[in-house]
Structures are given as structure tokens and as C-alpha cells.
Amino acid sequence: MSTKNAIVKGIAAHGLWKQRLIDAINTGTSEWTPDIVCQDNQCEFGKWLYSCSHDEKSSPHYETIRNLHADFHKSAAQVLDLALKGNTNEAQDNISSASKYSETSRNLTREMMNWKSEIE
């Protein structure tokens, strides 16, 4: 998969997580577990990221994205854990626009878009 395609797919896939988390908050259930979600090498983008070529890893965006991606997964797992434990209000606070999850998501998306724009 090309770098550009991996980034485009990664942005889309990680964008879906907010709705998954909202659904988990609303229902108290999820097909995902926090133990899996917290791992940044289990999603398609994470698998691609860790298998990048030397050239891709030498991009000034690579390390920043790798770190933000790991933080994103940790934050999403924390929200999911709260939702599955029935801590609805705390889970909602943790996906609000001022939350660490939302900030990390925005920063990850921005950095991925910056990397993509440099290879177009």
C-alpha cells in the first residue's frame, strides 16, 4: 500500500472511532475491548506504520504520527473502558471537544494530512 493510501485510510478509520465510542457510551457494550483498542499496532494503519520502509520512517512526520497514534489508542481505550463500566458521564467528558481524546485525534489527523500533502 502506498504511503498516501495508508494515510487516507488511516484518517478515515480513526475518524470512525468517535462514533464507536459514542455507541459504547449509549449502550454500555462494544465489539471491541479496551485491551485491544489500547494497542497501536492492531489496527490496519498501525500495522502499516510499524512496517514502514526506511524512507517512510525518515519522514519528519513519522515519529510524531507514531507517538500521536499510540496516544490516540490509549485515549480511546480509556473512554471505552469507562463506557463499558457504566461511567457514562465521565466517558462523555472524555470525548468532549476539550478532552485529551479529541485533542489527540485532531493533532493526529492534522499531522497525517500534513504528511499526505507533502507526498501528493
PDB file of N, CA and C in Angstrom:
ATOM      1  N   MET A   1       0.852  -1.175   0.000  1.00  0.00           N
ATOM      2  CA  MET A   1       0.000   0.000   0.000  1.00  0.00           C
ATOM      3  C   MET A   1       0.897   1.237   0.000  1.00  0.00           C
ATOM      4  N   SER A   2       0.545   2.218  -0.789  1.00  0.00           N
ATOM      5  CA  SER A   2       1.335   3.440  -0.840  1.00  0.00           C
ATOM      6  C   SER A   2       1.160   4.239   0.451  1.00  0.00           C
ATOM      7  N   THR A   3       2.116   5.099   0.721  1.00  0.00           N
ATOM      8  CA  THR A   3       2.045   5.959   1.914  1.00  0.00           C
ATOM      9  C   THR A   3       0.782   6.797   1.876  1.00  0.00           C
ATOM     10  N   LYS A   4       0.495   7.381   0.736  1.00  0.00           N
ATOM     11  CA  LYS A   4      -0.685   8.233   0.604  1.00  0.00           C
ATOM     12  C   LYS A   4      -1.964   7.447   0.905  1.00  0.00           C
ATOM     13  N   ASN A   5      -2.108   6.265   0.320  1.00  0.00           N
ATOM     14  CA  ASN A   5      -3.305   5.450   0.562  1.00  0.00           C
ATOM     15  C   ASN A   5      -3.422   5.037   2.019  1.00  0.00           C
ATOM     16  N   ALA A   6      -2.300   4.659   2.624  1.00  0.00           N
ATOM     17  CA  ALA A   6      -2.318   4.263   4.036  1.00  0.00           C
ATOM     18  C   ALA A   6      -2.772   5.424   4.913  1.00  0.00           C
ATOM     19  N   ILE A   7      -2.311   6.613   4.615  1.00  0.00           N
ATOM     20  CA  ILE A   7      -2.691   7.783   5.402  1.00  0.00           C
ATOM     21  C   ILE A   7      -4.170   8.102   5.211  1.00  0.00           C
ATOM     22  N   VAL A   8      -4.645   8.082   3.977  1.00  0.00           N
ATOM     23  CA  VAL A   8      -6.063   8.361   3.710  1.00  0.00           C
ATOM     24  C   VAL A   8      -6.947   7.350   4.439  1.00  0.00           C
ATOM     25  N   LYS A   9      -6.611   6.077   4.333  1.00  0.00           N
ATOM     26  CA  LYS A   9      -7.391   5.036   5.018  1.00  0.00           C
ATOM     27  C   LYS A   9      -7.290   5.186   6.534  1.00  0.00           C
ATOM     28  N   GLY A  10      -6.118   5.551   7.016  1.00  0.00           N
ATOM     29  CA  GLY A  10      -5.915   5.740   8.449  1.00  0.00           C
ATOM     30  C   GLY A  10      -6.748   6.883   9.011  1.00  0.00           C
ATOM     31  N   ILE A  11      -6.799   7.979   8.283  1.00  0.00           N
ATOM     32  CA  ILE A  11      -7.614   9.123   8.714  1.00  0.00           C
ATOM     33  C   ILE A  11      -9.082   8.707   8.803  1.00  0.00           C
ATOM     34  N   ALA A  12      -9.555   8.022   7.781  1.00  0.00           N
ATOM     35  CA  ALA A  12     -10.959   7.593   7.764  1.00  0.00           C
ATOM     36  C   ALA A  12     -11.257   6.613   8.894  1.00  0.00           C
ATOM     37  N   ALA A  13     -10.404   5.628   9.076  1.00  0.00           N
ATOM     38  CA  ALA A  13     -10.635   4.601  10.098  1.00  0.00           C
ATOM     39  C   ALA A  13     -10.619   5.195  11.503  1.00  0.00           C
ATOM     40  N   HIS A  14      -9.697   6.103  11.762  1.00  0.00           N
ATOM     41  CA  HIS A  14      -9.627   6.679  13.101  1.00  0.00           C
ATOM     42  C   HIS A  14     -10.737   7.695  13.328  1.00  0.00           C
ATOM     43  N   GLY A  15     -11.233   8.270  12.257  1.00  0.00           N
ATOM     44  CA  GLY A  15     -12.383   9.167  12.376  1.00  0.00           C
ATOM     45  C   GLY A  15     -13.643   8.442  12.820  1.00  0.00           C
ATOM     46  N   LEU A  16     -13.748   7.167  12.515  1.00  0.00           N
ATOM     47  CA  LEU A  16     -14.921   6.369  12.909  1.00  0.00           C
ATOM     48  C   LEU A  16     -14.961   6.073  14.405  1.00  0.00           C
ATOM     49  N   TRP A  17     -13.839   6.203  15.064  1.00  0.00           N
ATOM     50  CA  TRP A  17     -13.790   5.817  16.471  1.00  0.00           C
ATOM     51  C   TRP A  17     -14.669   6.661  17.380  1.00  0.00           C
ATOM     52  N   LYS A  18     -14.827   7.922  17.079  1.00  0.00           N
ATOM     53  CA  LYS A  18     -15.678   8.742  17.951  1.00  0.00           C
ATOM     54  C   LYS A  18     -17.098   8.175  17.977  1.00  0.00           C
ATOM     55  N   GLN A  19     -17.631   7.794  16.814  1.00  0.00           N
ATOM     56  CA  GLN A  19     -18.984   7.223  16.789  1.00  0.00           C
ATOM     57  C   GLN A  19     -19.019   5.881  17.516  1.00  0.00           C
ATOM     58  N   ARG A  20     -17.992   5.074  17.357  1.00  0.00           N
ATOM     59  CA  ARG A  20     -17.936   3.796  18.084  1.00  0.00           C
ATOM     60  C   ARG A  20     -17.959   4.028  19.595  1.00  0.00           C
ATOM     61  N   LEU A  21     -17.231   5.045  20.021  1.00  0.00           N
ATOM     62  CA  LEU A  21     -17.194   5.353  21.450  1.00  0.00           C
ATOM     63  C   LEU A  21     -18.535   5.900  21.936  1.00  0.00           C
ATOM     64  N   ILE A  22     -19.163   6.734  21.138  1.00  0.00           N
ATOM     65  CA  ILE A  22     -20.498   7.246  21.488  1.00  0.00           C
ATOM     66  C   ILE A  22     -21.483   6.084  21.595  1.00  0.00           C
ATOM     67  N   ASP A  23     -21.415   5.171  20.651  1.00  0.00           N
ATOM     68  CA  ASP A  23     -22.295   3.992  20.701  1.00  0.00           C
ATOM     69  C   ASP A  23     -22.040   3.176  21.969  1.00  0.00           C
ATOM     70  N   ALA A  24     -20.788   3.008  22.337  1.00  0.00           N
ATOM     71  CA  ALA A  24     -20.452   2.250  23.549  1.00  0.00           C
ATOM     72  C   ALA A  24     -20.955   2.972  24.795  1.00  0.00           C
ATOM     73  N   ILE A  25     -20.859   4.280  24.805  1.00  0.00           N
ATOM     74  CA  ILE A  25     -21.361   5.061  25.939  1.00  0.00           C
ATOM     75  C   ILE A  25     -22.873   4.898  26.045  1.00  0.00           C
ATOM     76  N   ASN A  26     -23.543   4.960  24.909  1.00  0.00           N
ATOM     77  CA  ASN A  26     -25.015   4.879  24.901  1.00  0.00           C
ATOM     78  C   ASN A  26     -25.545   3.486  25.219  1.00  0.00           C
ATOM     79  N   THR A  27     -24.804   2.455  24.852  1.00  0.00           N
ATOM     80  CA  THR A  27     -25.305   1.091  25.034  1.00  0.00           C
ATOM     81  C   THR A  27     -24.611   0.324  26.162  1.00  0.00           C
ATOM     82  N   GLY A  28     -23.427   0.769  26.540  1.00  0.00           N
ATOM     83  CA  GLY A  28     -22.650   0.039  27.539  1.00  0.00           C
ATOM     84  C   GLY A  28     -21.999  -1.216  26.987  1.00  0.00           C
ATOM     85  N   THR A  29     -22.022  -1.357  25.671  1.00  0.00           N
ATOM     86  CA  THR A  29     -21.426  -2.529  25.033  1.00  0.00           C
ATOM     87  C   THR A  29     -20.569  -2.110  23.836  1.00  0.00           C
ATOM     88  N   SER A  30     -19.706  -3.020  23.422  1.00  0.00           N
ATOM     89  CA  SER A  30     -18.884  -2.784  22.241  1.00  0.00           C
ATOM     90  C   SER A  30     -18.339  -4.118  21.759  1.00  0.00           C
ATOM     91  N   GLU A  31     -18.113  -4.221  20.465  1.00  0.00           N
ATOM     92  CA  GLU A  31     -17.460  -5.418  19.940  1.00  0.00           C
ATOM     93  C   GLU A  31     -15.965  -5.377  20.236  1.00  0.00           C
ATOM     94  N   TRP A  32     -15.482  -4.248  20.691  1.00  0.00           N
ATOM     95  CA  TRP A  32     -14.065  -4.046  20.981  1.00  0.00           C
ATOM     96  C   TRP A  32     -13.831  -4.104  22.491  1.00  0.00           C
ATOM     97  N   THR A  33     -12.619  -4.434  22.876  1.00  0.00           N
ATOM     98  CA  THR A  33     -12.242  -4.394  24.283  1.00  0.00           C
ATOM     99  C   THR A  33     -11.152  -3.337  24.472  1.00  0.00           C
ATOM    100  N   PRO A  34     -11.101  -2.715  25.635  1.00  0.00           N
ATOM    101  CA  PRO A  34     -10.041  -1.739  25.884  1.00  0.00           C
ATOM    102  C   PRO A  34      -8.639  -2.333  25.728  1.00  0.00           C
ATOM    103  N   ASP A  35      -8.478  -3.611  26.079  1.00  0.00           N
ATOM    104  CA  ASP A  35      -7.166  -4.253  25.952  1.00  0.00           C
ATOM    105  C   ASP A  35      -6.671  -4.300  24.512  1.00  0.00           C
ATOM    106  N   ILE A  36      -7.575  -4.452  23.580  1.00  0.00           N
ATOM    107  CA  ILE A  36      -7.200  -4.464  22.160  1.00  0.00           C
ATOM    108  C   ILE A  36      -7.071  -3.034  21.635  1.00  0.00           C
ATOM    109  N   VAL A  37      -8.022  -2.183  21.970  1.00  0.00           N
ATOM    110  CA  VAL A  37      -8.034  -0.807  21.455  1.00  0.00           C
ATOM    111  C   VAL A  37      -6.780  -0.045  21.867  1.00  0.00           C
ATOM    112  N   CYS A  38      -6.261  -0.303  23.055  1.00  0.00           N
ATOM    113  CA  CYS A  38      -5.094   0.450  23.520  1.00  0.00           C
ATOM    114  C   CYS A  38      -3.817   0.107  22.748  1.00  0.00           C
ATOM    115  N   GLN A  39      -3.834  -0.962  21.999  1.00  0.00           N
ATOM    116  CA  GLN A  39      -2.647  -1.373  21.241  1.00  0.00           C
ATOM    117  C   GLN A  39      -2.611  -0.666  19.885  1.00  0.00           C
ATOM    118  N   ASP A  40      -1.578   0.110  19.669  1.00  0.00           N
ATOM    119  CA  ASP A  40      -1.495   0.903  18.440  1.00  0.00           C
ATOM    120  C   ASP A  40      -0.994   0.117  17.240  1.00  0.00           C
ATOM    121  N   ASN A  41      -0.742  -1.162  17.417  1.00  0.00           N
ATOM    122  CA  ASN A  41      -0.267  -1.976  16.297  1.00  0.00           C
ATOM    123  C   ASN A  41      -1.288  -3.029  15.865  1.00  0.00           C
ATOM    124  N   GLN A  42      -2.544  -2.866  16.278  1.00  0.00           N
ATOM    125  CA  GLN A  42      -3.583  -3.833  15.936  1.00  0.00           C
ATOM    126  C   GLN A  42      -4.490  -3.354  14.798  1.00  0.00           C
ATOM    127  N   CYS A  43      -4.597  -2.062  14.608  1.00  0.00           N
ATOM    128  CA  CYS A  43      -5.418  -1.539  13.510  1.00  0.00           C
ATOM    129  C   CYS A  43      -4.604  -1.594  12.215  1.00  0.00           C
ATOM    130  N   GLU A  44      -5.290  -1.478  11.099  1.00  0.00           N
ATOM    131  CA  GLU A  44      -4.617  -1.555   9.798  1.00  0.00           C
ATOM    132  C   GLU A  44      -3.544  -0.484   9.660  1.00  0.00           C
ATOM    133  N   PHE A  45      -3.859   0.750  10.086  1.00  0.00           N
ATOM    134  CA  PHE A  45      -2.880   1.828   9.978  1.00  0.00           C
ATOM    135  C   PHE A  45      -1.668   1.555  10.866  1.00  0.00           C
ATOM    136  N   GLY A  46      -1.907   1.079  12.073  1.00  0.00           N
ATOM    137  CA  GLY A  46      -0.802   0.775  12.979  1.00  0.00           C
ATOM    138  C   GLY A  46       0.100  -0.316  12.436  1.00  0.00           C
ATOM    139  N   LYS A  47      -0.493  -1.335  11.848  1.00  0.00           N
ATOM    140  CA  LYS A  47       0.300  -2.409  11.236  1.00  0.00           C
ATOM    141  C   LYS A  47       1.155  -1.836  10.108  1.00  0.00           C
ATOM    142  N   TRP A  48       0.545  -0.972   9.293  1.00  0.00           N
ATOM    143  CA  TRP A  48       1.300  -0.348   8.211  1.00  0.00           C
ATOM    144  C   TRP A  48       2.414   0.531   8.784  1.00  0.00           C
ATOM    145  N   LEU A  49       2.083   1.319   9.793  1.00  0.00           N
ATOM    146  CA  LEU A  49       3.032   2.266  10.380  1.00  0.00           C
ATOM    147  C   LEU A  49       4.289   1.559  10.891  1.00  0.00           C
ATOM    148  N   TYR A  50       4.080   0.433  11.566  1.00  0.00           N
ATOM    149  CA  TYR A  50       5.218  -0.296  12.112  1.00  0.00           C
ATOM    150  C   TYR A  50       5.989  -1.070  11.050  1.00  0.00           C
ATOM    151  N   SER A  51       5.408  -1.226   9.874  1.00  0.00           N
ATOM    152  CA  SER A  51       6.107  -1.944   8.803  1.00  0.00           C
ATOM    153  C   SER A  51       6.662  -0.988   7.742  1.00  0.00           C
ATOM    154  N   CYS A  52       6.642   0.290   8.020  1.00  0.00           N
ATOM    155  CA  CYS A  52       7.107   1.286   7.049  1.00  0.00           C
ATOM    156  C   CYS A  52       8.551   1.039   6.624  1.00  0.00           C
ATOM    157  N   SER A  53       8.831   1.487   5.428  1.00  0.00           N
ATOM    158  CA  SER A  53      10.190   1.404   4.896  1.00  0.00           C
ATOM    159  C   SER A  53      11.085   2.435   5.602  1.00  0.00           C
ATOM    160  N   HIS A  54      12.368   2.286   5.394  1.00  0.00           N
ATOM    161  CA  HIS A  54      13.329   3.238   5.965  1.00  0.00           C
ATOM    162  C   HIS A  54      13.028   4.655   5.473  1.00  0.00           C
ATOM    163  N   ASP A  55      12.703   4.791   4.190  1.00  0.00           N
ATOM    164  CA  ASP A  55      12.397   6.114   3.630  1.00  0.00           C
ATOM    165  C   ASP A  55      11.186   6.736   4.318  1.00  0.00           C
ATOM    166  N   GLU A  56      10.147   5.934   4.526  1.00  0.00           N
ATOM    167  CA  GLU A  56       8.948   6.445   5.196  1.00  0.00           C
ATOM    168  C   GLU A  56       9.259   6.817   6.638  1.00  0.00           C
ATOM    169  N   LYS A  57      10.052   5.994   7.307  1.00  0.00           N
ATOM    170  CA  LYS A  57      10.414   6.280   8.698  1.00  0.00           C
ATOM    171  C   LYS A  57      11.324   7.493   8.823  1.00  0.00           C
ATOM    172  N   SER A  58      11.979   7.868   7.740  1.00  0.00           N
ATOM    173  CA  SER A  58      12.856   9.042   7.786  1.00  0.00           C
ATOM    174  C   SER A  58      12.082  10.345   7.582  1.00  0.00           C
ATOM    175  N   SER A  59      10.800  10.246   7.284  1.00  0.00           N
ATOM    176  CA  SER A  59       9.976  11.453   7.150  1.00  0.00           C
ATOM    177  C   SER A  59       9.933  12.181   8.493  1.00  0.00           C
ATOM    178  N   PRO A  60       9.967  13.506   8.465  1.00  0.00           N
ATOM    179  CA  PRO A  60       9.862  14.260   9.732  1.00  0.00           C
ATOM    180  C   PRO A  60       8.507  14.054  10.420  1.00  0.00           C
ATOM    181  N   HIS A  61       7.528  13.514   9.712  1.00  0.00           N
ATOM    182  CA  HIS A  61       6.194  13.292  10.279  1.00  0.00           C
ATOM    183  C   HIS A  61       6.066  11.943  10.983  1.00  0.00           C
ATOM    184  N   TYR A  62       6.923  11.003  10.616  1.00  0.00           N
ATOM    185  CA  TYR A  62       6.757   9.625  11.080  1.00  0.00           C
ATOM    186  C   TYR A  62       6.719   9.513  12.609  1.00  0.00           C
ATOM    187  N   GLU A  63       7.731   9.992  13.300  1.00  0.00           N
ATOM    188  CA  GLU A  63       7.792   9.832  14.764  1.00  0.00           C
ATOM    189  C   GLU A  63       6.633  10.535  15.451  1.00  0.00           C
ATOM    190  N   THR A  64       6.305  11.722  14.984  1.00  0.00           N
ATOM    191  CA  THR A  64       5.188  12.465  15.577  1.00  0.00           C
ATOM    192  C   THR A  64       3.897  11.677  15.416  1.00  0.00           C
ATOM    193  N   ILE A  65       3.672  11.154  14.224  1.00  0.00           N
ATOM    194  CA  ILE A  65       2.458  10.373  13.966  1.00  0.00           C
ATOM    195  C   ILE A  65       2.469   9.085  14.788  1.00  0.00           C
ATOM    196  N   ARG A  66       3.593   8.414  14.874  1.00  0.00           N
ATOM    197  CA  ARG A  66       3.670   7.181  15.654  1.00  0.00           C
ATOM    198  C   ARG A  66       3.304   7.455  17.119  1.00  0.00           C
ATOM    199  N   ASN A  67       3.829   8.542  17.666  1.00  0.00           N
ATOM    200  CA  ASN A  67       3.525   8.886  19.062  1.00  0.00           C
ATOM    201  C   ASN A  67       2.071   9.306  19.246  1.00  0.00           C
ATOM    202  N   LEU A  68       1.564  10.142  18.343  1.00  0.00           N
ATOM    203  CA  LEU A  68       0.169  10.570  18.428  1.00  0.00           C
ATOM    204  C   LEU A  68      -0.776   9.381  18.241  1.00  0.00           C
ATOM    205  N   HIS A  69      -0.423   8.486  17.346  1.00  0.00           N
ATOM    206  CA  HIS A  69      -1.242   7.307  17.095  1.00  0.00           C
ATOM    207  C   HIS A  69      -1.324   6.444  18.358  1.00  0.00           C
ATOM    208  N   ALA A  70      -0.199   6.254  19.025  1.00  0.00           N
ATOM    209  CA  ALA A  70      -0.188   5.483  20.280  1.00  0.00           C
ATOM    210  C   ALA A  70      -1.045   6.182  21.339  1.00  0.00           C
ATOM    211  N   ASP A  71      -0.909   7.504  21.444  1.00  0.00           N
ATOM    212  CA  ASP A  71      -1.715   8.273  22.413  1.00  0.00           C
ATOM    213  C   ASP A  71      -3.203   8.189  22.084  1.00  0.00           C
ATOM    214  N   PHE A  72      -3.536   8.232  20.792  1.00  0.00           N
ATOM    215  CA  PHE A  72      -4.930   8.123  20.367  1.00  0.00           C
ATOM    216  C   PHE A  72      -5.525   6.803  20.848  1.00  0.00           C
ATOM    217  N   HIS A  73      -4.813   5.724  20.636  1.00  0.00           N
ATOM    218  CA  HIS A  73      -5.322   4.413  21.031  1.00  0.00           C
ATOM    219  C   HIS A  73      -5.470   4.304  22.547  1.00  0.00           C
ATOM    220  N   LYS A  74      -4.532   4.859  23.293  1.00  0.00           N
ATOM    221  CA  LYS A  74      -4.634   4.841  24.756  1.00  0.00           C
ATOM    222  C   LYS A  74      -5.859   5.634  25.212  1.00  0.00           C
ATOM    223  N   SER A  75      -6.066   6.803  24.623  1.00  0.00           N
ATOM    224  CA  SER A  75      -7.216   7.638  24.999  1.00  0.00           C
ATOM    225  C   SER A  75      -8.534   6.973  24.632  1.00  0.00           C
ATOM    226  N   ALA A  76      -8.602   6.400  23.440  1.00  0.00           N
ATOM    227  CA  ALA A  76      -9.831   5.712  23.018  1.00  0.00           C
ATOM    228  C   ALA A  76     -10.124   4.538  23.947  1.00  0.00           C
ATOM    229  N   ALA A  77      -9.094   3.799  24.332  1.00  0.00           N
ATOM    230  CA  ALA A  77      -9.278   2.653  25.234  1.00  0.00           C
ATOM    231  C   ALA A  77      -9.780   3.110  26.597  1.00  0.00           C
ATOM    232  N   GLN A  78      -9.290   4.249  27.074  1.00  0.00           N
ATOM    233  CA  GLN A  78      -9.747   4.775  28.366  1.00  0.00           C
ATOM    234  C   GLN A  78     -11.225   5.141  28.311  1.00  0.00           C
ATOM    235  N   VAL A  79     -11.626   5.793  27.225  1.00  0.00           N
ATOM    236  CA  VAL A  79     -13.038   6.142  27.063  1.00  0.00           C
ATOM    237  C   VAL A  79     -13.879   4.876  26.979  1.00  0.00           C
ATOM    238  N   LEU A  80     -13.440   3.921  26.197  1.00  0.00           N
ATOM    239  CA  LEU A  80     -14.177   2.665  26.053  1.00  0.00           C
ATOM    240  C   LEU A  80     -14.296   1.951  27.399  1.00  0.00           C
ATOM    241  N   ASP A  81     -13.234   1.936  28.157  1.00  0.00           N
ATOM    242  CA  ASP A  81     -13.262   1.293  29.469  1.00  0.00           C
ATOM    243  C   ASP A  81     -14.306   1.949  30.375  1.00  0.00           C
ATOM    244  N   LEU A  82     -14.332   3.271  30.387  1.00  0.00           N
ATOM    245  CA  LEU A  82     -15.337   3.984  31.186  1.00  0.00           C
ATOM    246  C   LEU A  82     -16.747   3.640  30.714  1.00  0.00           C
ATOM    247  N   ALA A  83     -16.941   3.618  29.413  1.00  0.00           N
ATOM    248  CA  ALA A  83     -18.259   3.323  28.848  1.00  0.00           C
ATOM    249  C   ALA A  83     -18.714   1.919  29.230  1.00  0.00           C
ATOM    250  N   LEU A  84     -17.820   0.959  29.124  1.00  0.00           N
ATOM    251  CA  LEU A  84     -18.183  -0.428  29.419  1.00  0.00           C
ATOM    252  C   LEU A  84     -18.413  -0.669  30.909  1.00  0.00           C
ATOM    253  N   LYS A  85     -17.836   0.197  31.730  1.00  0.00           N
ATOM    254  CA  LYS A  85     -18.048   0.098  33.181  1.00  0.00           C
ATOM    255  C   LYS A  85     -19.271   0.892  33.638  1.00  0.00           C
ATOM    256  N   GLY A  86     -19.957   1.547  32.683  1.00  0.00           N
ATOM    257  CA  GLY A  86     -21.163   2.288  33.010  1.00  0.00           C
ATOM    258  C   GLY A  86     -20.918   3.690  33.530  1.00  0.00           C
ATOM    259  N   ASN A  87     -19.706   4.187  33.413  1.00  0.00           N
ATOM    260  CA  ASN A  87     -19.378   5.553  33.835  1.00  0.00           C
ATOM    261  C   ASN A  87     -19.684   6.525  32.687  1.00  0.00           C
ATOM    262  N   THR A  88     -20.965   6.636  32.387  1.00  0.00           N
ATOM    263  CA  THR A  88     -21.425   7.370  31.204  1.00  0.00           C
ATOM    264  C   THR A  88     -20.986   8.824  31.196  1.00  0.00           C
ATOM    265  N   ASN A  89     -21.206   9.540  32.290  1.00  0.00           N
ATOM    266  CA  ASN A  89     -20.858  10.966  32.313  1.00  0.00           C
ATOM    267  C   ASN A  89     -19.367  11.189  32.144  1.00  0.00           C
ATOM    268  N   GLU A  90     -18.569  10.389  32.824  1.00  0.00           N
ATOM    269  CA  GLU A  90     -17.119  10.532  32.716  1.00  0.00           C
ATOM    270  C   GLU A  90     -16.654  10.174  31.302  1.00  0.00           C
ATOM    271  N   ALA A  91     -17.245   9.148  30.721  1.00  0.00           N
ATOM    272  CA  ALA A  91     -16.891   8.763  29.350  1.00  0.00           C
ATOM    273  C   ALA A  91     -17.250   9.889  28.380  1.00  0.00           C
ATOM    274  N   GLN A  92     -18.431  10.492  28.561  1.00  0.00           N
ATOM    275  CA  GLN A  92     -18.824  11.607  27.690  1.00  0.00           C
ATOM    276  C   GLN A  92     -17.865  12.782  27.838  1.00  0.00           C
ATOM    277  N   ASP A  93     -17.469  13.072  29.068  1.00  0.00           N
ATOM    278  CA  ASP A  93     -16.497  14.145  29.288  1.00  0.00           C
ATOM    279  C   ASP A  93     -15.182  13.848  28.577  1.00  0.00           C
ATOM    280  N   ASN A  94     -14.836  12.559  28.523  1.00  0.00           N
ATOM    281  CA  ASN A  94     -13.566  12.157  27.930  1.00  0.00           C
ATOM    282  C   ASN A  94     -13.571  12.103  26.411  1.00  0.00           C
ATOM    283  N   ILE A  95     -14.718  12.380  25.776  1.00  0.00           N
ATOM    284  CA  ILE A  95     -14.719  12.537  24.313  1.00  0.00           C
ATOM    285  C   ILE A  95     -15.213  13.923  23.911  1.00  0.00           C
ATOM    286  N   SER A  96     -15.401  14.800  24.893  1.00  0.00           N
ATOM    287  CA  SER A  96     -15.833  16.166  24.576  1.00  0.00           C
ATOM    288  C   SER A  96     -14.754  16.865  23.756  1.00  0.00           C
ATOM    289  N   SER A  97     -15.102  17.980  23.168  1.00  0.00           N
ATOM    290  CA  SER A  97     -14.154  18.687  22.299  1.00  0.00           C
ATOM    291  C   SER A  97     -12.922  19.178  23.055  1.00  0.00           C
ATOM    292  N   ALA A  98     -13.014  19.310  24.373  1.00  0.00           N
ATOM    293  CA  ALA A  98     -11.876  19.776  25.171  1.00  0.00           C
ATOM    294  C   ALA A  98     -11.079  18.624  25.775  1.00  0.00           C
ATOM    295  N   SER A  99     -11.418  17.391  25.445  1.00  0.00           N
ATOM    296  CA  SER A  99     -10.780  16.232  26.072  1.00  0.00           C
ATOM    297  C   SER A  99      -9.443  15.890  25.430  1.00  0.00           C
ATOM    298  N   LYS A 100      -8.663  15.079  26.148  1.00  0.00           N
ATOM    299  CA  LYS A 100      -7.390  14.575  25.623  1.00  0.00           C
ATOM    300  C   LYS A 100      -7.640  13.742  24.367  1.00  0.00           C
ATOM    301  N   TYR A 101      -8.693  12.927  24.385  1.00  0.00           N
ATOM    302  CA  TYR A 101      -9.020  12.119  23.211  1.00  0.00           C
ATOM    303  C   TYR A 101      -9.219  13.013  21.988  1.00  0.00           C
ATOM    304  N   SER A 102     -10.061  14.036  22.123  1.00  0.00           N
ATOM    305  CA  SER A 102     -10.356  14.909  20.978  1.00  0.00           C
ATOM    306  C   SER A 102      -9.129  15.689  20.526  1.00  0.00           C
ATOM    307  N   GLU A 103      -8.348  16.166  21.476  1.00  0.00           N
ATOM    308  CA  GLU A 103      -7.129  16.903  21.124  1.00  0.00           C
ATOM    309  C   GLU A 103      -6.147  15.996  20.386  1.00  0.00           C
ATOM    310  N   THR A 104      -5.962  14.802  20.902  1.00  0.00           N
ATOM    311  CA  THR A 104      -5.055  13.850  20.256  1.00  0.00           C
ATOM    312  C   THR A 104      -5.550  13.473  18.869  1.00  0.00           C
ATOM    313  N   SER A 105      -6.859  13.246  18.745  1.00  0.00           N
ATOM    314  CA  SER A 105      -7.446  12.909  17.452  1.00  0.00           C
ATOM    315  C   SER A 105      -7.217  14.031  16.438  1.00  0.00           C
ATOM    316  N   ARG A 106      -7.466  15.255  16.856  1.00  0.00           N
ATOM    317  CA  ARG A 106      -7.250  16.409  15.954  1.00  0.00           C
ATOM    318  C   ARG A 106      -5.781  16.514  15.539  1.00  0.00           C
ATOM    319  N   ASN A 107      -4.879  16.383  16.514  1.00  0.00           N
ATOM    320  CA  ASN A 107      -3.451  16.501  16.219  1.00  0.00           C
ATOM    321  C   ASN A 107      -2.970  15.374  15.302  1.00  0.00           C
ATOM    322  N   LEU A 108      -3.459  14.168  15.537  1.00  0.00           N
ATOM    323  CA  LEU A 108      -3.093  13.037  14.686  1.00  0.00           C
ATOM    324  C   LEU A 108      -3.583  13.269  13.258  1.00  0.00           C
ATOM    325  N   THR A 109      -4.818  13.663  13.115  1.00  0.00           N
ATOM    326  CA  THR A 109      -5.377  13.912  11.776  1.00  0.00           C
ATOM    327  C   THR A 109      -4.614  15.019  11.063  1.00  0.00           C
ATOM    328  N   ARG A 110      -4.327  16.103  11.777  1.00  0.00           N
ATOM    329  CA  ARG A 110      -3.591  17.222  11.170  1.00  0.00           C
ATOM    330  C   ARG A 110      -2.211  16.771  10.693  1.00  0.00           C
ATOM    331  N   GLU A 111      -1.504  16.019  11.530  1.00  0.00           N
ATOM    332  CA  GLU A 111      -0.158  15.578  11.162  1.00  0.00           C
ATOM    333  C   GLU A 111      -0.204  14.593   9.994  1.00  0.00           C
ATOM    334  N   MET A 112      -1.202  13.726   9.975  1.00  0.00           N
ATOM    335  CA  MET A 112      -1.350  12.796   8.853  1.00  0.00           C
ATOM    336  C   MET A 112      -1.645  13.560   7.561  1.00  0.00           C
ATOM    337  N   MET A 113      -2.489  14.571   7.656  1.00  0.00           N
ATOM    338  CA  MET A 113      -2.802  15.380   6.469  1.00  0.00           C
ATOM    339  C   MET A 113      -1.570  16.146   5.993  1.00  0.00           C
ATOM    340  N   ASN A 114      -0.769  16.632   6.925  1.00  0.00           N
ATOM    341  CA  ASN A 114       0.466  17.324   6.545  1.00  0.00           C
ATOM    342  C   ASN A 114       1.420  16.387   5.809  1.00  0.00           C
ATOM    343  N   TRP A 115       1.554  15.160   6.312  1.00  0.00           N
ATOM    344  CA  TRP A 115       2.437  14.192   5.652  1.00  0.00           C
ATOM    345  C   TRP A 115       1.906  13.866   4.257  1.00  0.00           C
ATOM    346  N   LYS A 116       0.595  13.639   4.176  1.00  0.00           N
ATOM    347  CA  LYS A 116      -0.031  13.327   2.887  1.00  0.00           C
ATOM    348  C   LYS A 116       0.185  14.462   1.887  1.00  0.00           C
ATOM    349  N   SER A 117       0.042  15.702   2.340  1.00  0.00           N
ATOM    350  CA  SER A 117       0.197  16.845   1.420  1.00  0.00           C
ATOM    351  C   SER A 117       1.618  16.964   0.877  1.00  0.00           C
ATOM    352  N   GLU A 118       2.595  16.471   1.605  1.00  0.00           N
ATOM    353  CA  GLU A 118       3.966  16.527   1.135  1.00  0.00           C
ATOM    354  C   GLU A 118       4.299  15.472   0.098  1.00  0.00           C
ATOM    355  N   ILE A 119       3.449  14.438   0.013  1.00  0.00           N
ATOM    356  CA  ILE A 119       3.746  13.374  -0.957  1.00  0.00           C
ATOM    357  C   ILE A 119       2.821  13.404  -2.158  1.00  0.00           C
ATOM    358  N   GLU A 120       1.924  14.377  -2.204  1.00  0.00           N
ATOM    359  CA  GLU A 120       0.987  14.457  -3.349  1.00  0.00           C
ATOM    360  C   GLU A 120       1.657  15.091  -4.532  1.00  0.00           C
TER     361      GLU A 120
END
